[in-house]
Amino acid sequence: RNEGLSPRHNPEFTMLELYLAFGDYRDLMDWIEKALRGLASAVCGSTQLTYQGRPYALPISFQRVTVEQAIIAANPQALSTDNVRDPEVLSALCKKLGYQPGKHDGPGKLQIEIFEKTVEETLLDPTFVYAYPAETSPLARANDDDPFITDRFEFFLGGRELANGFSELNDPE
């Protein structure tokens, strides 16, 4: 893979890759929820787990938030729905967080830098983060209603990314 190495991301250790015909990223999120609860029940006898001393519950429905909702919630003093795509606002926050934006970084790249610095490790309970910027998701299908984002998600548990999924590009052009 051509991705950077990180102890907080999981692509280097992929154990399962699947494709789902006649479904989209929402169907994959539903499938992952069901599979994780079933796996926990089969292996541990319960959907209540303990990892490194912290209890985790795999509820009927995992939390689902967009990238933009997550970074606004983590940075309410700097971000709002009115400015979450403003490159100047995002760039200023990135600098405050220790990331020096490159001259070609657009708002999508800046949003992901902010997400990785302020949100990612706080996602302890089962959470799907979806609607990733198209700028950082080249293989995912663009959202029909908003071309700034894609139909992509990542699943987090214990502050770590455990799954990445998206609706595949299906337009040969």
N, C-alpha and C. Protein backbone atom coordinates (compact mmCIF):
# COMPACT_ATOMS: atom_id res chain seq x y z
N ARG A 1 0.84 -1.19 0.00
CA ARG A 1 0.00 0.00 0.00
C ARG A 1 0.88 1.24 0.00
N ASN A 2 0.34 2.32 -0.52
CA ASN A 2 1.12 3.54 -0.59
C ASN A 2 0.71 4.54 0.49
N GLU A 3 0.31 4.04 1.65
CA GLU A 3 -0.11 4.90 2.74
C GLU A 3 1.02 5.03 3.74
N GLY A 4 1.00 6.11 4.51
CA GLY A 4 2.00 6.28 5.54
C GLY A 4 1.80 5.30 6.68
N LEU A 5 2.87 5.03 7.42
CA LEU A 5 2.80 4.13 8.55
C LEU A 5 2.32 4.89 9.77
N SER A 6 1.53 4.24 10.60
CA SER A 6 1.01 4.87 11.80
C SER A 6 0.56 3.80 12.77
N PRO A 7 0.87 3.96 14.06
CA PRO A 7 0.36 3.01 15.05
C PRO A 7 -1.12 3.20 15.34
N ARG A 8 -1.74 4.27 14.82
CA ARG A 8 -3.14 4.57 15.09
C ARG A 8 -4.06 4.19 13.92
N HIS A 9 -3.51 3.67 12.84
CA HIS A 9 -4.31 3.29 11.68
C HIS A 9 -4.03 1.84 11.34
N ASN A 10 -4.92 1.25 10.62
CA ASN A 10 -4.89 -0.19 10.49
C ASN A 10 -4.62 -0.77 9.11
N PRO A 11 -4.32 -0.01 8.07
CA PRO A 11 -4.23 -0.64 6.74
C PRO A 11 -3.09 -1.64 6.61
N GLU A 12 -2.06 -1.50 7.43
CA GLU A 12 -0.93 -2.42 7.33
C GLU A 12 -1.28 -3.82 7.83
N PHE A 13 -2.39 -3.93 8.57
CA PHE A 13 -2.73 -5.19 9.21
C PHE A 13 -4.11 -5.69 8.78
N THR A 14 -4.49 -5.40 7.56
CA THR A 14 -5.81 -5.78 7.10
C THR A 14 -5.98 -7.29 7.18
N MET A 15 -7.06 -7.71 7.83
CA MET A 15 -7.34 -9.12 7.98
C MET A 15 -8.51 -9.56 7.11
N LEU A 16 -9.31 -8.61 6.68
CA LEU A 16 -10.48 -8.94 5.89
C LEU A 16 -10.74 -7.79 4.92
N GLU A 17 -10.92 -8.14 3.68
CA GLU A 17 -11.34 -7.16 2.69
C GLU A 17 -12.54 -7.75 2.01
N LEU A 18 -13.59 -6.94 1.86
CA LEU A 18 -14.80 -7.46 1.25
C LEU A 18 -15.41 -6.43 0.33
N TYR A 19 -16.18 -6.92 -0.58
CA TYR A 19 -16.93 -6.08 -1.51
C TYR A 19 -18.37 -6.51 -1.42
N LEU A 20 -19.28 -5.56 -1.53
CA LEU A 20 -20.69 -5.84 -1.39
C LEU A 20 -21.41 -5.34 -2.64
N ALA A 21 -21.95 -6.27 -3.40
CA ALA A 21 -22.70 -5.89 -4.60
C ALA A 21 -24.06 -5.35 -4.22
N PHE A 22 -24.53 -4.40 -4.96
CA PHE A 22 -25.86 -3.83 -4.80
C PHE A 22 -26.06 -3.17 -3.43
N GLY A 23 -24.98 -2.65 -2.86
CA GLY A 23 -25.05 -1.94 -1.59
C GLY A 23 -24.12 -0.75 -1.64
N ASP A 24 -24.19 0.09 -0.63
CA ASP A 24 -23.30 1.24 -0.58
C ASP A 24 -22.63 1.31 0.79
N TYR A 25 -21.99 2.43 1.07
CA TYR A 25 -21.22 2.57 2.30
C TYR A 25 -22.11 2.44 3.55
N ARG A 26 -23.37 2.85 3.47
CA ARG A 26 -24.27 2.71 4.61
C ARG A 26 -24.55 1.23 4.90
N ASP A 27 -24.70 0.45 3.85
CA ASP A 27 -24.90 -0.99 4.03
C ASP A 27 -23.66 -1.64 4.64
N LEU A 28 -22.48 -1.18 4.25
CA LEU A 28 -21.24 -1.71 4.84
C LEU A 28 -21.15 -1.36 6.32
N MET A 29 -21.54 -0.15 6.70
CA MET A 29 -21.53 0.21 8.12
C MET A 29 -22.47 -0.71 8.89
N ASP A 30 -23.66 -0.95 8.36
CA ASP A 30 -24.61 -1.85 9.02
C ASP A 30 -24.01 -3.26 9.15
N TRP A 31 -23.37 -3.72 8.09
CA TRP A 31 -22.77 -5.06 8.10
C TRP A 31 -21.67 -5.15 9.17
N ILE A 32 -20.83 -4.13 9.25
CA ILE A 32 -19.74 -4.13 10.23
C ILE A 32 -20.30 -4.14 11.65
N GLU A 33 -21.32 -3.35 11.92
CA GLU A 33 -21.95 -3.35 13.25
C GLU A 33 -22.40 -4.76 13.62
N LYS A 34 -23.15 -5.37 12.72
CA LYS A 34 -23.69 -6.71 12.99
C LYS A 34 -22.56 -7.73 13.15
N ALA A 35 -21.56 -7.65 12.29
CA ALA A 35 -20.45 -8.60 12.35
C ALA A 35 -19.66 -8.46 13.66
N LEU A 36 -19.41 -7.24 14.09
CA LEU A 36 -18.64 -7.04 15.33
C LEU A 36 -19.41 -7.52 16.55
N ARG A 37 -20.70 -7.24 16.60
CA ARG A 37 -21.49 -7.74 17.73
C ARG A 37 -21.53 -9.27 17.72
N GLY A 38 -21.70 -9.86 16.55
CA GLY A 38 -21.72 -11.32 16.46
C GLY A 38 -20.38 -11.94 16.81
N LEU A 39 -19.31 -11.32 16.36
CA LEU A 39 -17.97 -11.82 16.67
C LEU A 39 -17.70 -11.73 18.17
N ALA A 40 -18.04 -10.60 18.78
CA ALA A 40 -17.82 -10.44 20.22
C ALA A 40 -18.63 -11.48 21.00
N SER A 41 -19.87 -11.69 20.60
CA SER A 41 -20.70 -12.68 21.29
C SER A 41 -20.14 -14.08 21.14
N ALA A 42 -19.68 -14.43 19.94
CA ALA A 42 -19.16 -15.77 19.69
C ALA A 42 -17.83 -16.01 20.41
N VAL A 43 -16.95 -15.01 20.41
CA VAL A 43 -15.61 -15.20 20.97
C VAL A 43 -15.58 -14.94 22.47
N CYS A 44 -16.27 -13.88 22.91
CA CYS A 44 -16.20 -13.45 24.31
C CYS A 44 -17.45 -13.79 25.12
N GLY A 45 -18.50 -14.24 24.42
CA GLY A 45 -19.74 -14.56 25.11
C GLY A 45 -20.58 -13.37 25.48
N SER A 46 -20.21 -12.18 25.01
CA SER A 46 -20.93 -10.96 25.37
C SER A 46 -20.56 -9.84 24.41
N THR A 47 -21.43 -8.85 24.33
CA THR A 47 -21.09 -7.64 23.58
C THR A 47 -20.54 -6.56 24.51
N GLN A 48 -20.30 -6.93 25.75
CA GLN A 48 -19.62 -6.07 26.72
C GLN A 48 -18.18 -6.56 26.82
N LEU A 49 -17.23 -5.74 26.42
CA LEU A 49 -15.83 -6.14 26.37
C LEU A 49 -14.99 -5.24 27.27
N THR A 50 -13.82 -5.74 27.66
CA THR A 50 -12.84 -4.93 28.38
C THR A 50 -11.53 -5.03 27.63
N TYR A 51 -10.94 -3.88 27.35
CA TYR A 51 -9.65 -3.84 26.67
C TYR A 51 -8.76 -2.85 27.41
N GLN A 52 -7.61 -3.30 27.82
CA GLN A 52 -6.65 -2.50 28.58
C GLN A 52 -7.33 -1.79 29.75
N GLY A 53 -8.20 -2.52 30.44
CA GLY A 53 -8.85 -2.03 31.64
C GLY A 53 -10.06 -1.14 31.42
N ARG A 54 -10.39 -0.84 30.18
CA ARG A 54 -11.55 0.01 29.90
C ARG A 54 -12.68 -0.84 29.33
N PRO A 55 -13.89 -0.67 29.88
CA PRO A 55 -15.03 -1.42 29.34
C PRO A 55 -15.54 -0.78 28.04
N TYR A 56 -15.95 -1.62 27.13
CA TYR A 56 -16.54 -1.19 25.86
C TYR A 56 -17.83 -1.97 25.66
N ALA A 57 -18.86 -1.26 25.23
CA ALA A 57 -20.12 -1.91 24.91
C ALA A 57 -20.33 -1.79 23.41
N LEU A 58 -20.85 -2.85 22.82
CA LEU A 58 -21.19 -2.83 21.40
C LEU A 58 -22.72 -2.75 21.31
N PRO A 59 -23.25 -1.53 21.38
CA PRO A 59 -24.71 -1.35 21.44
C PRO A 59 -25.39 -1.73 20.12
N ILE A 60 -26.69 -1.68 20.16
CA ILE A 60 -27.48 -2.01 18.98
C ILE A 60 -27.12 -1.11 17.81
N SER A 61 -26.84 0.15 18.08
CA SER A 61 -26.49 1.08 17.01
C SER A 61 -25.24 1.88 17.40
N PHE A 62 -24.22 1.80 16.57
CA PHE A 62 -22.99 2.55 16.83
C PHE A 62 -23.21 4.02 16.48
N GLN A 63 -22.46 4.89 17.13
CA GLN A 63 -22.54 6.32 16.83
C GLN A 63 -22.07 6.56 15.39
N ARG A 64 -22.69 7.52 14.72
CA ARG A 64 -22.30 7.90 13.36
C ARG A 64 -22.24 9.42 13.29
N VAL A 65 -21.07 9.95 12.90
CA VAL A 65 -20.89 11.40 12.77
C VAL A 65 -20.10 11.68 11.50
N THR A 66 -20.33 12.84 10.92
CA THR A 66 -19.55 13.24 9.75
C THR A 66 -18.21 13.81 10.22
N VAL A 67 -17.25 13.86 9.32
CA VAL A 67 -15.97 14.49 9.62
C VAL A 67 -16.20 15.92 10.11
N GLU A 68 -17.06 16.65 9.39
CA GLU A 68 -17.29 18.05 9.76
C GLU A 68 -17.96 18.17 11.12
N GLN A 69 -18.95 17.34 11.42
CA GLN A 69 -19.57 17.37 12.75
C GLN A 69 -18.53 17.10 13.84
N ALA A 70 -17.66 16.14 13.59
CA ALA A 70 -16.66 15.76 14.59
C ALA A 70 -15.65 16.88 14.85
N ILE A 71 -15.17 17.54 13.79
CA ILE A 71 -14.16 18.58 14.03
C ILE A 71 -14.80 19.84 14.60
N ILE A 72 -16.04 20.13 14.27
CA ILE A 72 -16.73 21.27 14.88
C ILE A 72 -16.93 21.01 16.37
N ALA A 73 -17.38 19.81 16.73
CA ALA A 73 -17.60 19.47 18.14
C ALA A 73 -16.30 19.53 18.95
N ALA A 74 -15.18 19.15 18.34
CA ALA A 74 -13.90 19.16 19.04
C ALA A 74 -13.25 20.54 19.08
N ASN A 75 -13.70 21.44 18.22
CA ASN A 75 -13.08 22.76 18.11
C ASN A 75 -14.15 23.85 18.02
N PRO A 76 -15.07 23.91 18.98
CA PRO A 76 -16.20 24.86 18.87
C PRO A 76 -15.77 26.32 18.93
N GLN A 77 -14.61 26.60 19.51
CA GLN A 77 -14.14 27.97 19.59
C GLN A 77 -13.66 28.49 18.24
N ALA A 78 -13.33 27.58 17.32
CA ALA A 78 -12.76 27.99 16.02
C ALA A 78 -13.65 27.64 14.83
N LEU A 79 -14.44 26.58 14.96
CA LEU A 79 -15.18 26.09 13.80
C LEU A 79 -16.69 26.08 14.04
N SER A 80 -17.42 26.30 12.96
CA SER A 80 -18.88 26.23 12.97
C SER A 80 -19.32 25.74 11.59
N THR A 81 -20.59 25.49 11.44
CA THR A 81 -21.10 25.06 10.14
C THR A 81 -20.89 26.13 9.08
N ASP A 82 -20.76 27.37 9.51
CA ASP A 82 -20.56 28.48 8.56
C ASP A 82 -19.14 28.57 8.02
N ASN A 83 -18.14 28.06 8.76
CA ASN A 83 -16.75 28.25 8.32
C ASN A 83 -15.94 26.97 8.19
N VAL A 84 -16.59 25.82 8.33
CA VAL A 84 -15.86 24.55 8.38
C VAL A 84 -15.20 24.18 7.04
N ARG A 85 -15.52 24.89 5.98
CA ARG A 85 -14.87 24.66 4.69
C ARG A 85 -14.05 25.88 4.23
N ASP A 86 -13.90 26.84 5.09
CA ASP A 86 -13.15 28.06 4.77
C ASP A 86 -11.65 27.78 4.91
N PRO A 87 -10.90 27.83 3.80
CA PRO A 87 -9.47 27.48 3.86
C PRO A 87 -8.67 28.36 4.82
N GLU A 88 -9.01 29.62 4.93
CA GLU A 88 -8.26 30.51 5.83
C GLU A 88 -8.48 30.14 7.29
N VAL A 89 -9.72 29.87 7.65
CA VAL A 89 -10.04 29.47 9.02
C VAL A 89 -9.38 28.14 9.35
N LEU A 90 -9.50 27.18 8.44
CA LEU A 90 -8.92 25.86 8.65
C LEU A 90 -7.40 25.94 8.73
N SER A 91 -6.79 26.73 7.88
CA SER A 91 -5.34 26.89 7.87
C SER A 91 -4.85 27.49 9.19
N ALA A 92 -5.56 28.50 9.69
CA ALA A 92 -5.17 29.12 10.95
C ALA A 92 -5.25 28.12 12.10
N LEU A 93 -6.31 27.31 12.12
CA LEU A 93 -6.44 26.30 13.17
C LEU A 93 -5.35 25.25 13.04
N CYS A 94 -5.05 24.83 11.83
CA CYS A 94 -3.98 23.85 11.62
C CYS A 94 -2.65 24.37 12.19
N LYS A 95 -2.35 25.62 11.90
CA LYS A 95 -1.11 26.21 12.41
C LYS A 95 -1.09 26.21 13.93
N LYS A 96 -2.23 26.54 14.54
CA LYS A 96 -2.35 26.52 16.00
C LYS A 96 -2.10 25.13 16.56
N LEU A 97 -2.47 24.12 15.78
CA LEU A 97 -2.33 22.73 16.21
C LEU A 97 -0.97 22.13 15.85
N GLY A 98 -0.11 22.93 15.22
CA GLY A 98 1.24 22.45 14.91
C GLY A 98 1.42 21.88 13.52
N TYR A 99 0.44 22.03 12.65
CA TYR A 99 0.57 21.55 11.27
C TYR A 99 0.75 22.76 10.37
N GLN A 100 1.83 22.76 9.62
CA GLN A 100 2.09 23.84 8.67
C GLN A 100 1.49 23.46 7.31
N PRO A 101 0.39 24.09 6.94
CA PRO A 101 -0.26 23.73 5.67
C PRO A 101 0.65 23.95 4.46
N GLY A 102 0.57 23.02 3.52
CA GLY A 102 1.30 23.17 2.26
C GLY A 102 0.54 24.10 1.34
N LYS A 103 1.23 24.63 0.35
CA LYS A 103 0.59 25.61 -0.52
C LYS A 103 -0.54 25.00 -1.37
N HIS A 104 -0.55 23.69 -1.53
CA HIS A 104 -1.60 23.04 -2.31
C HIS A 104 -2.66 22.37 -1.45
N ASP A 105 -2.56 22.50 -0.13
CA ASP A 105 -3.56 21.90 0.75
C ASP A 105 -4.88 22.65 0.62
N GLY A 106 -5.92 21.92 0.28
CA GLY A 106 -7.25 22.51 0.20
C GLY A 106 -7.99 22.28 1.50
N PRO A 107 -9.23 22.73 1.57
CA PRO A 107 -10.00 22.59 2.81
C PRO A 107 -10.19 21.14 3.25
N GLY A 108 -10.30 20.20 2.31
CA GLY A 108 -10.46 18.80 2.69
C GLY A 108 -9.24 18.27 3.41
N LYS A 109 -8.06 18.53 2.89
CA LYS A 109 -6.81 18.10 3.53
C LYS A 109 -6.68 18.73 4.91
N LEU A 110 -7.02 20.01 5.02
CA LEU A 110 -6.92 20.72 6.29
C LEU A 110 -7.91 20.15 7.31
N GLN A 111 -9.11 19.82 6.85
CA GLN A 111 -10.09 19.20 7.75
C GLN A 111 -9.54 17.89 8.33
N ILE A 112 -8.91 17.09 7.49
CA ILE A 112 -8.39 15.80 7.96
C ILE A 112 -7.23 15.99 8.93
N GLU A 113 -6.39 16.97 8.70
CA GLU A 113 -5.31 17.26 9.66
C GLU A 113 -5.90 17.62 11.02
N ILE A 114 -6.94 18.45 11.01
CA ILE A 114 -7.60 18.84 12.25
C ILE A 114 -8.26 17.63 12.91
N PHE A 115 -8.90 16.79 12.11
CA PHE A 115 -9.53 15.57 12.62
C PHE A 115 -8.50 14.68 13.31
N GLU A 116 -7.37 14.47 12.65
CA GLU A 116 -6.35 13.58 13.21
C GLU A 116 -5.73 14.15 14.49
N LYS A 117 -5.66 15.46 14.59
CA LYS A 117 -5.04 16.07 15.77
C LYS A 117 -6.00 16.28 16.93
N THR A 118 -7.31 16.42 16.66
CA THR A 118 -8.23 16.78 17.74
C THR A 118 -9.36 15.79 18.00
N VAL A 119 -9.60 14.87 17.09
CA VAL A 119 -10.77 14.00 17.23
C VAL A 119 -10.38 12.54 17.37
N GLU A 120 -9.56 12.06 16.48
CA GLU A 120 -9.33 10.63 16.30
C GLU A 120 -9.13 9.85 17.61
N GLU A 121 -8.20 10.26 18.43
CA GLU A 121 -7.90 9.48 19.64
C GLU A 121 -8.99 9.60 20.71
N THR A 122 -9.94 10.52 20.53
CA THR A 122 -11.04 10.65 21.50
C THR A 122 -12.20 9.72 21.18
N LEU A 123 -12.16 9.05 20.05
CA LEU A 123 -13.26 8.17 19.64
C LEU A 123 -13.11 6.81 20.29
N LEU A 124 -13.46 6.74 21.57
CA LEU A 124 -13.28 5.51 22.33
C LEU A 124 -14.42 4.52 22.09
N ASP A 125 -15.65 4.99 22.12
CA ASP A 125 -16.78 4.11 21.90
C ASP A 125 -16.97 3.85 20.41
N PRO A 126 -17.66 2.77 20.04
CA PRO A 126 -17.80 2.43 18.62
C PRO A 126 -18.42 3.58 17.82
N THR A 127 -17.65 4.08 16.86
CA THR A 127 -18.08 5.26 16.11
C THR A 127 -17.71 5.13 14.65
N PHE A 128 -18.68 5.38 13.78
CA PHE A 128 -18.41 5.52 12.36
C PHE A 128 -18.29 7.01 12.05
N VAL A 129 -17.19 7.39 11.44
CA VAL A 129 -17.02 8.75 10.94
C VAL A 129 -17.15 8.64 9.43
N TYR A 130 -18.04 9.45 8.85
CA TYR A 130 -18.30 9.33 7.42
C TYR A 130 -18.29 10.71 6.76
N ALA A 131 -18.50 10.71 5.46
CA ALA A 131 -18.50 11.95 4.65
C ALA A 131 -17.11 12.58 4.66
N TYR A 132 -16.13 11.79 4.26
CA TYR A 132 -14.75 12.28 4.16
C TYR A 132 -14.61 13.19 2.94
N PRO A 133 -13.75 14.19 3.03
CA PRO A 133 -13.56 15.09 1.89
C PRO A 133 -13.06 14.35 0.66
N ALA A 134 -13.57 14.73 -0.49
CA ALA A 134 -13.15 14.12 -1.75
C ALA A 134 -11.65 14.31 -1.97
N GLU A 135 -11.13 15.41 -1.51
CA GLU A 135 -9.71 15.72 -1.67
C GLU A 135 -8.80 14.65 -1.07
N THR A 136 -9.27 13.97 -0.03
CA THR A 136 -8.45 12.97 0.65
C THR A 136 -8.94 11.55 0.41
N SER A 137 -9.89 11.37 -0.49
CA SER A 137 -10.49 10.06 -0.72
C SER A 137 -10.60 9.77 -2.21
N PRO A 138 -9.48 9.60 -2.88
CA PRO A 138 -9.51 9.52 -4.35
C PRO A 138 -10.22 8.31 -4.94
N LEU A 139 -10.36 7.23 -4.20
CA LEU A 139 -10.99 6.04 -4.77
C LEU A 139 -12.47 5.91 -4.41
N ALA A 140 -12.93 6.78 -3.52
CA ALA A 140 -14.33 6.70 -3.08
C ALA A 140 -15.24 7.48 -4.02
N ARG A 141 -16.47 7.05 -4.07
CA ARG A 141 -17.48 7.67 -4.91
C ARG A 141 -17.89 9.02 -4.32
N ALA A 142 -18.00 10.03 -5.15
CA ALA A 142 -18.47 11.34 -4.71
C ALA A 142 -19.91 11.24 -4.24
N ASN A 143 -20.25 12.00 -3.23
CA ASN A 143 -21.62 12.04 -2.72
C ASN A 143 -22.52 12.71 -3.76
N ASP A 144 -23.70 12.16 -3.96
CA ASP A 144 -24.63 12.70 -4.96
C ASP A 144 -25.08 14.12 -4.65
N ASP A 145 -25.24 14.44 -3.38
CA ASP A 145 -25.77 15.75 -3.00
C ASP A 145 -24.70 16.80 -2.73
N ASP A 146 -23.47 16.36 -2.46
CA ASP A 146 -22.42 17.31 -2.09
C ASP A 146 -21.08 16.80 -2.62
N PRO A 147 -20.61 17.32 -3.74
CA PRO A 147 -19.37 16.81 -4.34
C PRO A 147 -18.11 17.11 -3.53
N PHE A 148 -18.21 17.92 -2.47
CA PHE A 148 -17.06 18.16 -1.60
C PHE A 148 -16.70 16.91 -0.81
N ILE A 149 -17.70 16.06 -0.56
CA ILE A 149 -17.49 14.86 0.25
C ILE A 149 -17.70 13.59 -0.57
N THR A 150 -17.26 12.48 0.02
CA THR A 150 -17.44 11.17 -0.62
C THR A 150 -18.29 10.28 0.27
N ASP A 151 -18.73 9.18 -0.31
CA ASP A 151 -19.48 8.17 0.43
C ASP A 151 -18.48 7.19 1.04
N ARG A 152 -17.78 7.68 2.05
CA ARG A 152 -16.70 6.91 2.70
C ARG A 152 -16.86 7.01 4.21
N PHE A 153 -16.41 5.97 4.91
CA PHE A 153 -16.41 5.97 6.36
C PHE A 153 -15.14 5.32 6.89
N GLU A 154 -14.86 5.60 8.15
CA GLU A 154 -13.87 4.86 8.92
C GLU A 154 -14.54 4.51 10.24
N PHE A 155 -14.22 3.34 10.76
CA PHE A 155 -14.78 2.90 12.04
C PHE A 155 -13.69 3.00 13.10
N PHE A 156 -14.05 3.60 14.23
CA PHE A 156 -13.11 3.79 15.33
C PHE A 156 -13.64 3.11 16.59
N LEU A 157 -12.71 2.54 17.34
CA LEU A 157 -13.00 1.96 18.65
C LEU A 157 -11.72 2.04 19.46
N GLY A 158 -11.83 2.50 20.68
CA GLY A 158 -10.63 2.62 21.52
C GLY A 158 -9.65 3.65 21.00
N GLY A 159 -10.14 4.65 20.27
CA GLY A 159 -9.27 5.69 19.74
C GLY A 159 -8.45 5.26 18.54
N ARG A 160 -8.82 4.14 17.95
CA ARG A 160 -8.06 3.63 16.81
C ARG A 160 -8.99 3.32 15.64
N GLU A 161 -8.49 3.59 14.46
CA GLU A 161 -9.22 3.23 13.24
C GLU A 161 -9.12 1.72 13.04
N LEU A 162 -10.28 1.07 12.95
CA LEU A 162 -10.29 -0.38 12.75
C LEU A 162 -10.84 -0.79 11.39
N ALA A 163 -11.52 0.11 10.72
CA ALA A 163 -12.09 -0.23 9.41
C ALA A 163 -12.19 1.02 8.55
N ASN A 164 -12.08 0.82 7.27
CA ASN A 164 -12.19 1.88 6.29
C ASN A 164 -13.05 1.32 5.16
N GLY A 165 -14.06 2.06 4.76
CA GLY A 165 -14.90 1.56 3.69
C GLY A 165 -15.51 2.70 2.90
N PHE A 166 -15.96 2.37 1.71
CA PHE A 166 -16.56 3.40 0.87
C PHE A 166 -17.33 2.76 -0.26
N SER A 167 -18.21 3.57 -0.82
CA SER A 167 -18.86 3.18 -2.05
C SER A 167 -17.84 3.37 -3.16
N GLU A 168 -17.67 2.35 -3.96
CA GLU A 168 -16.66 2.38 -5.02
C GLU A 168 -17.05 3.32 -6.16
N LEU A 169 -16.04 3.87 -6.80
CA LEU A 169 -16.29 4.61 -8.02
C LEU A 169 -16.92 3.67 -9.01
N ASN A 170 -17.97 4.11 -9.69
CA ASN A 170 -18.61 3.23 -10.65
C ASN A 170 -18.88 3.93 -11.98
N ASP A 171 -18.23 5.04 -12.18
CA ASP A 171 -18.35 5.78 -13.43
C ASP A 171 -17.00 5.70 -14.14
N PRO A 172 -16.90 5.02 -15.26
CA PRO A 172 -15.62 4.83 -15.92
C PRO A 172 -14.97 6.14 -16.39
N GLU A 173 -15.73 7.20 -16.49
CA GLU A 173 -15.16 8.50 -16.87
C GLU A 173 -14.45 9.13 -15.71
